[in-house]
Amino acid sequence: MTGDTTLREVIGRLGKAIDTLEGAVAARLEHEQDYGEAEAEVQRMNADRARLAQELDNSEARAERLEEANKEVSRRLVTAMETIRAVLDR
């Protein structure tokens, strides 16, 4: 019976080793799936960042145009007020 006992022990250890290996493989596959999801999220975040950077550039350009228009309107108002004063002073 020593041979049978040893064979059973070896088969039992082999079964435990296979279970451990299957658990490690499952954990690895789950880790890789999580990594893939994280990579996809990073790509989405990079796309959002690029879109937001473009929107910011557009907003800054618009703000500069509005500032220039504001300066032009202010200059014209000053000119108009000076003209009106000159007319009233005559």
N, C-alpha and C. Protein backbone atom coordinates (compact mmCIF):
# COMPACT_ATOMS: atom_id res chain seq x y z
N MET A 1 0.80 -1.20 0.00
CA MET A 1 0.00 0.00 0.00
C MET A 1 0.84 1.27 0.00
N THR A 2 2.09 1.17 0.25
CA THR A 2 2.95 2.34 0.26
C THR A 2 3.00 2.97 -1.12
N GLY A 3 3.04 2.16 -2.18
CA GLY A 3 3.04 2.68 -3.54
C GLY A 3 1.74 3.38 -3.87
N ASP A 4 0.61 2.81 -3.43
CA ASP A 4 -0.69 3.45 -3.67
C ASP A 4 -0.81 4.77 -2.91
N THR A 5 -0.34 4.76 -1.68
CA THR A 5 -0.40 5.96 -0.86
C THR A 5 0.47 7.05 -1.49
N THR A 6 1.64 6.69 -1.91
CA THR A 6 2.54 7.66 -2.52
C THR A 6 1.95 8.18 -3.82
N LEU A 7 1.36 7.31 -4.63
CA LEU A 7 0.74 7.72 -5.89
C LEU A 7 -0.43 8.66 -5.62
N ARG A 8 -1.22 8.33 -4.59
CA ARG A 8 -2.35 9.21 -4.25
C ARG A 8 -1.85 10.58 -3.77
N GLU A 9 -0.79 10.58 -2.99
CA GLU A 9 -0.22 11.83 -2.51
C GLU A 9 0.31 12.67 -3.67
N VAL A 10 0.99 11.99 -4.60
CA VAL A 10 1.53 12.70 -5.77
C VAL A 10 0.40 13.26 -6.61
N ILE A 11 -0.65 12.47 -6.83
CA ILE A 11 -1.80 12.93 -7.61
C ILE A 11 -2.48 14.09 -6.88
N GLY A 12 -2.60 14.00 -5.58
CA GLY A 12 -3.19 15.09 -4.79
C GLY A 12 -2.37 16.37 -4.89
N ARG A 13 -1.03 16.24 -4.78
CA ARG A 13 -0.17 17.41 -4.91
C ARG A 13 -0.24 18.00 -6.32
N LEU A 14 -0.31 17.10 -7.30
CA LEU A 14 -0.43 17.56 -8.69
C LEU A 14 -1.74 18.31 -8.88
N GLY A 15 -2.82 17.79 -8.31
CA GLY A 15 -4.12 18.47 -8.40
C GLY A 15 -4.07 19.85 -7.76
N LYS A 16 -3.43 19.95 -6.58
CA LYS A 16 -3.30 21.24 -5.90
C LYS A 16 -2.44 22.20 -6.72
N ALA A 17 -1.38 21.67 -7.32
CA ALA A 17 -0.51 22.51 -8.15
C ALA A 17 -1.27 23.03 -9.36
N ILE A 18 -2.09 22.16 -9.96
CA ILE A 18 -2.89 22.59 -11.12
C ILE A 18 -3.90 23.65 -10.69
N ASP A 19 -4.54 23.45 -9.54
CA ASP A 19 -5.48 24.46 -9.04
C ASP A 19 -4.78 25.80 -8.80
N THR A 20 -3.59 25.74 -8.20
CA THR A 20 -2.82 26.96 -7.97
C THR A 20 -2.46 27.63 -9.28
N LEU A 21 -2.04 26.83 -10.26
CA LEU A 21 -1.70 27.38 -11.58
C LEU A 21 -2.91 28.00 -12.24
N GLU A 22 -4.06 27.34 -12.17
CA GLU A 22 -5.28 27.90 -12.75
C GLU A 22 -5.66 29.21 -12.07
N GLY A 23 -5.50 29.26 -10.76
CA GLY A 23 -5.77 30.51 -10.03
C GLY A 23 -4.84 31.63 -10.47
N ALA A 24 -3.56 31.30 -10.66
CA ALA A 24 -2.59 32.30 -11.10
C ALA A 24 -2.90 32.78 -12.51
N VAL A 25 -3.29 31.87 -13.37
CA VAL A 25 -3.64 32.24 -14.75
C VAL A 25 -4.87 33.13 -14.75
N ALA A 26 -5.87 32.76 -13.95
CA ALA A 26 -7.09 33.57 -13.88
C ALA A 26 -6.78 34.98 -13.37
N ALA A 27 -5.92 35.05 -12.33
CA ALA A 27 -5.54 36.36 -11.79
C ALA A 27 -4.79 37.18 -12.83
N ARG A 28 -3.92 36.51 -13.57
CA ARG A 28 -3.16 37.20 -14.62
C ARG A 28 -4.09 37.73 -15.72
N LEU A 29 -5.03 36.90 -16.14
CA LEU A 29 -5.98 37.33 -17.17
C LEU A 29 -6.83 38.51 -16.69
N GLU A 30 -7.23 38.46 -15.43
CA GLU A 30 -8.01 39.57 -14.87
C GLU A 30 -7.16 40.83 -14.82
N HIS A 31 -5.90 40.67 -14.42
CA HIS A 31 -4.99 41.81 -14.37
C HIS A 31 -4.81 42.41 -15.77
N GLU A 32 -4.63 41.57 -16.76
CA GLU A 32 -4.46 42.07 -18.13
C GLU A 32 -5.72 42.75 -18.63
N GLN A 33 -6.90 42.23 -18.25
CA GLN A 33 -8.15 42.87 -18.64
C GLN A 33 -8.25 44.24 -17.99
N ASP A 34 -7.90 44.31 -16.70
CA ASP A 34 -7.92 45.60 -16.00
C ASP A 34 -6.94 46.57 -16.65
N TYR A 35 -5.77 46.07 -17.03
CA TYR A 35 -4.77 46.92 -17.68
C TYR A 35 -5.32 47.44 -19.02
N GLY A 36 -5.98 46.55 -19.76
CA GLY A 36 -6.56 46.97 -21.05
C GLY A 36 -7.62 48.04 -20.86
N GLU A 37 -8.45 47.89 -19.83
CA GLU A 37 -9.47 48.89 -19.54
C GLU A 37 -8.83 50.21 -19.12
N ALA A 38 -7.77 50.12 -18.33
CA ALA A 38 -7.08 51.34 -17.89
C ALA A 38 -6.43 52.03 -19.09
N GLU A 39 -5.86 51.25 -20.00
CA GLU A 39 -5.25 51.82 -21.21
C GLU A 39 -6.30 52.52 -22.06
N ALA A 40 -7.48 51.91 -22.19
CA ALA A 40 -8.57 52.54 -22.94
C ALA A 40 -9.00 53.84 -22.28
N GLU A 41 -9.06 53.84 -20.96
CA GLU A 41 -9.44 55.06 -20.23
C GLU A 41 -8.39 56.16 -20.43
N VAL A 42 -7.13 55.79 -20.42
CA VAL A 42 -6.07 56.77 -20.65
C VAL A 42 -6.21 57.37 -22.06
N GLN A 43 -6.52 56.53 -23.03
CA GLN A 43 -6.69 57.03 -24.40
C GLN A 43 -7.88 57.99 -24.47
N ARG A 44 -8.98 57.65 -23.78
CA ARG A 44 -10.14 58.56 -23.77
C ARG A 44 -9.77 59.88 -23.10
N MET A 45 -9.02 59.79 -22.00
CA MET A 45 -8.61 61.01 -21.30
C MET A 45 -7.69 61.86 -22.17
N ASN A 46 -6.79 61.23 -22.91
CA ASN A 46 -5.91 61.98 -23.81
C ASN A 46 -6.71 62.66 -24.91
N ALA A 47 -7.72 61.97 -25.44
CA ALA A 47 -8.56 62.57 -26.47
C ALA A 47 -9.32 63.77 -25.89
N ASP A 48 -9.85 63.62 -24.67
CA ASP A 48 -10.54 64.73 -24.01
C ASP A 48 -9.60 65.89 -23.78
N ARG A 49 -8.38 65.59 -23.34
CA ARG A 49 -7.40 66.65 -23.08
C ARG A 49 -7.09 67.41 -24.36
N ALA A 50 -6.92 66.68 -25.45
CA ALA A 50 -6.63 67.34 -26.73
C ALA A 50 -7.81 68.22 -27.16
N ARG A 51 -9.03 67.70 -26.97
CA ARG A 51 -10.22 68.47 -27.34
C ARG A 51 -10.32 69.72 -26.48
N LEU A 52 -10.10 69.58 -25.18
CA LEU A 52 -10.17 70.73 -24.28
C LEU A 52 -9.07 71.75 -24.58
N ALA A 53 -7.89 71.27 -24.93
CA ALA A 53 -6.80 72.19 -25.29
C ALA A 53 -7.17 72.99 -26.53
N GLN A 54 -7.80 72.33 -27.50
CA GLN A 54 -8.23 73.03 -28.72
C GLN A 54 -9.30 74.06 -28.39
N GLU A 55 -10.26 73.68 -27.54
CA GLU A 55 -11.31 74.62 -27.14
C GLU A 55 -10.72 75.81 -26.39
N LEU A 56 -9.73 75.55 -25.54
CA LEU A 56 -9.08 76.63 -24.81
C LEU A 56 -8.36 77.58 -25.77
N ASP A 57 -7.65 77.01 -26.74
CA ASP A 57 -6.98 77.85 -27.74
C ASP A 57 -7.98 78.71 -28.49
N ASN A 58 -9.11 78.10 -28.88
CA ASN A 58 -10.15 78.85 -29.60
C ASN A 58 -10.72 79.96 -28.72
N SER A 59 -10.95 79.66 -27.44
CA SER A 59 -11.50 80.66 -26.52
C SER A 59 -10.52 81.81 -26.30
N GLU A 60 -9.25 81.47 -26.18
CA GLU A 60 -8.24 82.53 -26.00
C GLU A 60 -8.16 83.41 -27.24
N ALA A 61 -8.23 82.80 -28.41
CA ALA A 61 -8.19 83.60 -29.65
C ALA A 61 -9.41 84.50 -29.73
N ARG A 62 -10.58 83.98 -29.35
CA ARG A 62 -11.80 84.79 -29.37
C ARG A 62 -11.69 85.93 -28.36
N ALA A 63 -11.15 85.65 -27.18
CA ALA A 63 -10.99 86.69 -26.16
C ALA A 63 -10.06 87.80 -26.67
N GLU A 64 -9.01 87.42 -27.36
CA GLU A 64 -8.11 88.43 -27.93
C GLU A 64 -8.83 89.28 -28.98
N ARG A 65 -9.64 88.63 -29.83
CA ARG A 65 -10.39 89.40 -30.84
C ARG A 65 -11.38 90.35 -30.17
N LEU A 66 -12.05 89.87 -29.13
CA LEU A 66 -13.00 90.73 -28.41
C LEU A 66 -12.29 91.89 -27.73
N GLU A 67 -11.12 91.63 -27.19
CA GLU A 67 -10.35 92.71 -26.56
C GLU A 67 -9.96 93.77 -27.59
N GLU A 68 -9.53 93.32 -28.75
CA GLU A 68 -9.18 94.27 -29.81
C GLU A 68 -10.41 95.06 -30.26
N ALA A 69 -11.54 94.39 -30.39
CA ALA A 69 -12.78 95.08 -30.77
C ALA A 69 -13.17 96.09 -29.69
N ASN A 70 -13.01 95.70 -28.44
CA ASN A 70 -13.33 96.60 -27.33
C ASN A 70 -12.45 97.85 -27.38
N LYS A 71 -11.16 97.65 -27.63
CA LYS A 71 -10.25 98.80 -27.74
C LYS A 71 -10.66 99.70 -28.89
N GLU A 72 -11.05 99.12 -30.01
CA GLU A 72 -11.46 99.91 -31.18
C GLU A 72 -12.73 100.70 -30.88
N VAL A 73 -13.69 100.06 -30.22
CA VAL A 73 -14.93 100.75 -29.86
C VAL A 73 -14.62 101.88 -28.88
N SER A 74 -13.77 101.63 -27.93
CA SER A 74 -13.41 102.66 -26.97
C SER A 74 -12.74 103.84 -27.67
N ARG A 75 -11.83 103.53 -28.59
CA ARG A 75 -11.16 104.59 -29.34
C ARG A 75 -12.17 105.41 -30.13
N ARG A 76 -13.11 104.74 -30.76
CA ARG A 76 -14.13 105.46 -31.55
C ARG A 76 -15.03 106.30 -30.67
N LEU A 77 -15.38 105.78 -29.48
CA LEU A 77 -16.21 106.57 -28.56
C LEU A 77 -15.49 107.83 -28.11
N VAL A 78 -14.21 107.70 -27.81
CA VAL A 78 -13.44 108.87 -27.41
C VAL A 78 -13.41 109.89 -28.55
N THR A 79 -13.19 109.44 -29.77
CA THR A 79 -13.17 110.32 -30.94
C THR A 79 -14.53 111.00 -31.12
N ALA A 80 -15.61 110.23 -30.96
CA ALA A 80 -16.96 110.80 -31.11
C ALA A 80 -17.23 111.83 -30.02
N MET A 81 -16.83 111.54 -28.79
CA MET A 81 -17.05 112.51 -27.70
C MET A 81 -16.26 113.78 -27.94
N GLU A 82 -15.04 113.64 -28.41
CA GLU A 82 -14.23 114.83 -28.70
C GLU A 82 -14.85 115.64 -29.83
N THR A 83 -15.37 114.97 -30.81
CA THR A 83 -16.04 115.67 -31.93
C THR A 83 -17.27 116.40 -31.44
N ILE A 84 -18.07 115.76 -30.60
CA ILE A 84 -19.29 116.38 -30.06
C ILE A 84 -18.92 117.59 -29.19
N ARG A 85 -17.88 117.49 -28.39
CA ARG A 85 -17.44 118.62 -27.56
C ARG A 85 -16.99 119.79 -28.45
N ALA A 86 -16.27 119.46 -29.49
CA ALA A 86 -15.80 120.49 -30.39
C ALA A 86 -16.97 121.21 -31.06
N VAL A 87 -17.97 120.45 -31.44
CA VAL A 87 -19.17 121.06 -32.07
C VAL A 87 -19.91 121.92 -31.07
N LEU A 88 -20.06 121.42 -29.83
CA LEU A 88 -20.80 122.19 -28.82
C LEU A 88 -20.05 123.44 -28.38
N ASP A 89 -18.73 123.43 -28.46
CA ASP A 89 -17.93 124.56 -28.05
C ASP A 89 -17.95 125.70 -29.09
N ARG A 90 -18.42 125.46 -30.26
CA ARG A 90 -18.44 126.51 -31.29
C ARG A 90 -19.45 127.55 -31.08
